[in-house]
Amino acid sequence: MLPVAQCDAEKLPFPDDWFDCVTVAFGLRNMTHKDLALAEMRRVLRPGGRLLVLEFSQIWKPLAPAYDFYSFQVIPRVGKLVTNDSDSYRYLSESIRMHPNQEELKRMMESVGLEKVEYFNLALGVVALHRGYKF
């Protein structure tokens, strides 16, 4: 079993140049200071290491109206029926909308010193995988 640590992404309790790979999946959009968290993730990467960010993103434009209807009308109602909690599902939709789009997140990663940053859209952009390296 791998060791697990629960910690503040803006102040990681690891030395510089410690990890070959850092990943975050569906968590960056919930971080208050994304720039600080990304800088910390870069700090703990070894030279040649990579950061992978899997996160909800901006859907392909022609599908955006249907996706917004689904996100803001359908998901909260289903959440209310299944869990009796529509607020959490409304928050989910809103947090996705407020998260940087693919190009903005790419620029944020580059601004903290990551290089060769690229992203891959999955499910027509509903989700994107960003990858950047520390050299």
C-alpha atoms as a PDB file:
ATOM      1  CA  MET A   1       0.000   0.000   0.000  1.00  0.00           C
ATOM      2  CA  LEU A   2       1.231   3.492  -0.840  1.00  0.00           C
ATOM      3  CA  PRO A   3       1.575   6.030   1.961  1.00  0.00           C
ATOM      4  CA  VAL A   4      -1.048   8.776   1.971  1.00  0.00           C
ATOM      5  CA  ALA A   5      -0.715  12.353   3.236  1.00  0.00           C
ATOM      6  CA  GLN A   6      -3.497  14.855   3.758  1.00  0.00           C
ATOM      7  CA  CYS A   7      -2.021  18.335   3.494  1.00  0.00           C
ATOM      8  CA  ASP A   8      -2.455  21.880   2.246  1.00  0.00           C
ATOM      9  CA  ALA A   9      -1.677  22.023  -1.483  1.00  0.00           C
ATOM     10  CA  GLU A  10      -0.407  25.590  -1.052  1.00  0.00           C
ATOM     11  CA  LYS A  11       2.197  24.493   1.544  1.00  0.00           C
ATOM     12  CA  LEU A  12       3.244  20.945   0.739  1.00  0.00           C
ATOM     13  CA  PRO A  13       5.241  19.277   3.550  1.00  0.00           C
ATOM     14  CA  PHE A  14       7.833  17.759   1.214  1.00  0.00           C
ATOM     15  CA  PRO A  15      11.363  18.835   0.302  1.00  0.00           C
ATOM     16  CA  ASP A  16      12.223  20.463  -3.012  1.00  0.00           C
ATOM     17  CA  ASP A  17      12.822  18.094  -5.935  1.00  0.00           C
ATOM     18  CA  TRP A  18      11.199  15.105  -4.184  1.00  0.00           C
ATOM     19  CA  PHE A  19       8.758  13.498  -6.648  1.00  0.00           C
ATOM     20  CA  ASP A  20       9.056  12.199 -10.200  1.00  0.00           C
ATOM     21  CA  CYS A  21       5.369  12.854 -10.805  1.00  0.00           C
ATOM     22  CA  VAL A  22       2.656  14.881  -9.077  1.00  0.00           C
ATOM     23  CA  THR A  23      -0.994  14.369  -9.957  1.00  0.00           C
ATOM     24  CA  VAL A  24      -4.231  16.070  -9.023  1.00  0.00           C
ATOM     25  CA  ALA A  25      -7.604  14.851 -10.271  1.00  0.00           C
ATOM     26  CA  PHE A  26     -10.785  16.877  -9.904  1.00  0.00           C
ATOM     27  CA  GLY A  27      -9.305  18.861  -7.030  1.00  0.00           C
ATOM     28  CA  LEU A  28      -7.578  21.925  -8.472  1.00  0.00           C
ATOM     29  CA  ARG A  29     -10.855  23.722  -9.129  1.00  0.00           C
ATOM     30  CA  ASN A  30     -11.595  23.598  -5.377  1.00  0.00           C
ATOM     31  CA  MET A  31      -8.303  25.250  -4.419  1.00  0.00           C
ATOM     32  CA  THR A  32      -8.556  28.911  -3.463  1.00  0.00           C
ATOM     33  CA  HIS A  33      -5.115  29.948  -4.723  1.00  0.00           C
ATOM     34  CA  LYS A  34      -4.519  27.774  -7.761  1.00  0.00           C
ATOM     35  CA  ASP A  35      -1.318  29.632  -8.649  1.00  0.00           C
ATOM     36  CA  LEU A  36       0.226  28.903  -5.233  1.00  0.00           C
ATOM     37  CA  ALA A  37      -0.818  25.256  -5.388  1.00  0.00           C
ATOM     38  CA  LEU A  38       0.641  24.851  -8.876  1.00  0.00           C
ATOM     39  CA  ALA A  39       3.891  26.524  -7.767  1.00  0.00           C
ATOM     40  CA  GLU A  40       4.125  24.135  -4.808  1.00  0.00           C
ATOM     41  CA  MET A  41       3.502  21.129  -7.040  1.00  0.00           C
ATOM     42  CA  ARG A  42       6.304  22.317  -9.310  1.00  0.00           C
ATOM     43  CA  ARG A  43       8.605  22.913  -6.325  1.00  0.00           C
ATOM     44  CA  VAL A  44       8.353  19.313  -5.141  1.00  0.00           C
ATOM     45  CA  LEU A  45       8.979  17.882  -8.624  1.00  0.00           C
ATOM     46  CA  ARG A  46      12.448  16.623  -9.447  1.00  0.00           C
ATOM     47  CA  PRO A  47      14.073  18.017 -12.590  1.00  0.00           C
ATOM     48  CA  GLY A  48      12.527  16.075 -15.454  1.00  0.00           C
ATOM     49  CA  GLY A  49       9.432  15.377 -13.359  1.00  0.00           C
ATOM     50  CA  ARG A  50       5.931  15.967 -14.612  1.00  0.00           C
ATOM     51  CA  LEU A  51       2.721  17.403 -13.244  1.00  0.00           C
ATOM     52  CA  LEU A  52      -0.584  15.928 -14.422  1.00  0.00           C
ATOM     53  CA  VAL A  53      -3.831  17.808 -13.794  1.00  0.00           C
ATOM     54  CA  LEU A  54      -7.117  16.077 -14.649  1.00  0.00           C
ATOM     55  CA  GLU A  55     -10.017  18.464 -14.250  1.00  0.00           C
ATOM     56  CA  PHE A  56     -13.401  19.457 -15.595  1.00  0.00           C
ATOM     57  CA  SER A  57     -12.923  22.025 -18.319  1.00  0.00           C
ATOM     58  CA  GLN A  58     -14.649  23.970 -21.078  1.00  0.00           C
ATOM     59  CA  ILE A  59     -16.799  21.840 -23.356  1.00  0.00           C
ATOM     60  CA  TRP A  60     -16.757  22.147 -27.141  1.00  0.00           C
ATOM     61  CA  LYS A  61     -18.601  25.425 -27.866  1.00  0.00           C
ATOM     62  CA  PRO A  62     -21.515  24.043 -29.947  1.00  0.00           C
ATOM     63  CA  LEU A  63     -22.504  21.795 -27.033  1.00  0.00           C
ATOM     64  CA  ALA A  64     -22.184  24.464 -24.321  1.00  0.00           C
ATOM     65  CA  PRO A  65     -25.895  25.449 -24.118  1.00  0.00           C
ATOM     66  CA  ALA A  66     -27.026  21.829 -23.730  1.00  0.00           C
ATOM     67  CA  TYR A  67     -24.240  21.138 -21.235  1.00  0.00           C
ATOM     68  CA  ASP A  68     -25.166  24.219 -19.179  1.00  0.00           C
ATOM     69  CA  PHE A  69     -28.813  23.141 -19.102  1.00  0.00           C
ATOM     70  CA  TYR A  70     -27.776  19.663 -17.972  1.00  0.00           C
ATOM     71  CA  SER A  71     -25.320  21.032 -15.384  1.00  0.00           C
ATOM     72  CA  PHE A  72     -27.558  23.679 -13.832  1.00  0.00           C
ATOM     73  CA  GLN A  73     -31.028  22.176 -14.266  1.00  0.00           C
ATOM     74  CA  VAL A  74     -30.740  18.384 -14.436  1.00  0.00           C
ATOM     75  CA  ILE A  75     -27.815  17.566 -12.124  1.00  0.00           C
ATOM     76  CA  PRO A  76     -29.116  19.554  -9.098  1.00  0.00           C
ATOM     77  CA  ARG A  77     -32.575  17.985  -9.471  1.00  0.00           C
ATOM     78  CA  VAL A  78     -31.152  14.481  -9.673  1.00  0.00           C
ATOM     79  CA  GLY A  79     -28.965  15.288  -6.666  1.00  0.00           C
ATOM     80  CA  LYS A  80     -32.039  16.389  -4.749  1.00  0.00           C
ATOM     81  CA  LEU A  81     -33.888  13.159  -5.635  1.00  0.00           C
ATOM     82  CA  VAL A  82     -31.003  10.808  -4.896  1.00  0.00           C
ATOM     83  CA  THR A  83     -29.284  12.468  -1.926  1.00  0.00           C
ATOM     84  CA  ASN A  84     -31.766  15.132  -0.839  1.00  0.00           C
ATOM     85  CA  ASP A  85     -28.974  17.660  -1.456  1.00  0.00           C
ATOM     86  CA  SER A  86     -29.255  19.890  -4.513  1.00  0.00           C
ATOM     87  CA  ASP A  87     -26.829  22.521  -3.137  1.00  0.00           C
ATOM     88  CA  SER A  88     -23.754  20.298  -3.454  1.00  0.00           C
ATOM     89  CA  TYR A  89     -24.601  19.547  -7.060  1.00  0.00           C
ATOM     90  CA  ARG A  90     -25.274  23.200  -7.805  1.00  0.00           C
ATOM     91  CA  TYR A  91     -21.834  23.973  -6.296  1.00  0.00           C
ATOM     92  CA  LEU A  92     -20.261  21.315  -8.521  1.00  0.00           C
ATOM     93  CA  SER A  93     -21.696  22.943 -11.639  1.00  0.00           C
ATOM     94  CA  GLU A  94     -20.714  26.438 -10.510  1.00  0.00           C
ATOM     95  CA  SER A  95     -17.159  25.405  -9.573  1.00  0.00           C
ATOM     96  CA  ILE A  96     -16.715  23.888 -13.024  1.00  0.00           C
ATOM     97  CA  ARG A  97     -17.933  27.089 -14.673  1.00  0.00           C
ATOM     98  CA  MET A  98     -15.541  29.257 -12.604  1.00  0.00           C
ATOM     99  CA  HIS A  99     -12.482  27.037 -13.214  1.00  0.00           C
ATOM    100  CA  PRO A 100      -9.979  28.302 -15.809  1.00  0.00           C
ATOM    101  CA  ASN A 101     -10.489  26.948 -19.318  1.00  0.00           C
ATOM    102  CA  GLN A 102      -7.870  24.816 -21.049  1.00  0.00           C
ATOM    103  CA  GLU A 103      -5.754  27.681 -22.392  1.00  0.00           C
ATOM    104  CA  GLU A 104      -5.947  29.667 -19.138  1.00  0.00           C
ATOM    105  CA  LEU A 105      -4.805  26.675 -17.075  1.00  0.00           C
ATOM    106  CA  LYS A 106      -1.995  26.036 -19.557  1.00  0.00           C
ATOM    107  CA  ARG A 107      -0.825  29.647 -19.098  1.00  0.00           C
ATOM    108  CA  MET A 108      -1.078  29.324 -15.302  1.00  0.00           C
ATOM    109  CA  MET A 109       1.113  26.225 -15.375  1.00  0.00           C
ATOM    110  CA  GLU A 110       3.652  27.992 -17.588  1.00  0.00           C
ATOM    111  CA  SER A 111       3.625  31.048 -15.318  1.00  0.00           C
ATOM    112  CA  VAL A 112       4.855  28.955 -12.360  1.00  0.00           C
ATOM    113  CA  GLY A 113       7.762  27.649 -14.440  1.00  0.00           C
ATOM    114  CA  LEU A 114       6.426  24.431 -15.908  1.00  0.00           C
ATOM    115  CA  GLU A 115       7.586  23.731 -19.447  1.00  0.00           C
ATOM    116  CA  LYS A 116       6.303  21.838 -22.477  1.00  0.00           C
ATOM    117  CA  VAL A 117       2.783  22.310 -21.095  1.00  0.00           C
ATOM    118  CA  GLU A 118       0.069  20.742 -23.197  1.00  0.00           C
ATOM    119  CA  TYR A 119      -3.449  19.503 -22.695  1.00  0.00           C
ATOM    120  CA  PHE A 120      -5.663  16.796 -24.077  1.00  0.00           C
ATOM    121  CA  ASN A 121      -9.412  17.237 -24.231  1.00  0.00           C
ATOM    122  CA  LEU A 122     -11.470  14.247 -23.172  1.00  0.00           C
ATOM    123  CA  ALA A 123     -15.215  13.848 -23.765  1.00  0.00           C
ATOM    124  CA  LEU A 124     -15.317  16.904 -26.077  1.00  0.00           C
ATOM    125  CA  GLY A 125     -13.650  19.089 -23.444  1.00  0.00           C
ATOM    126  CA  VAL A 126     -15.877  18.198 -20.501  1.00  0.00           C
ATOM    127  CA  VAL A 127     -12.603  17.040 -18.947  1.00  0.00           C
ATOM    128  CA  ALA A 128      -9.040  17.970 -19.879  1.00  0.00           C
ATOM    129  CA  LEU A 129      -5.719  16.414 -18.917  1.00  0.00           C
ATOM    130  CA  HIS A 130      -2.911  18.977 -18.612  1.00  0.00           C
ATOM    131  CA  ARG A 131       0.731  17.917 -18.512  1.00  0.00           C
ATOM    132  CA  GLY A 132       3.775  20.021 -17.737  1.00  0.00           C
ATOM    133  CA  TYR A 133       7.409  19.306 -16.916  1.00  0.00           C
ATOM    134  CA  LYS A 134      10.005  20.755 -14.585  1.00  0.00           C
ATOM    135  CA  PHE A 135      13.445  21.019 -16.200  1.00  0.00           C
END
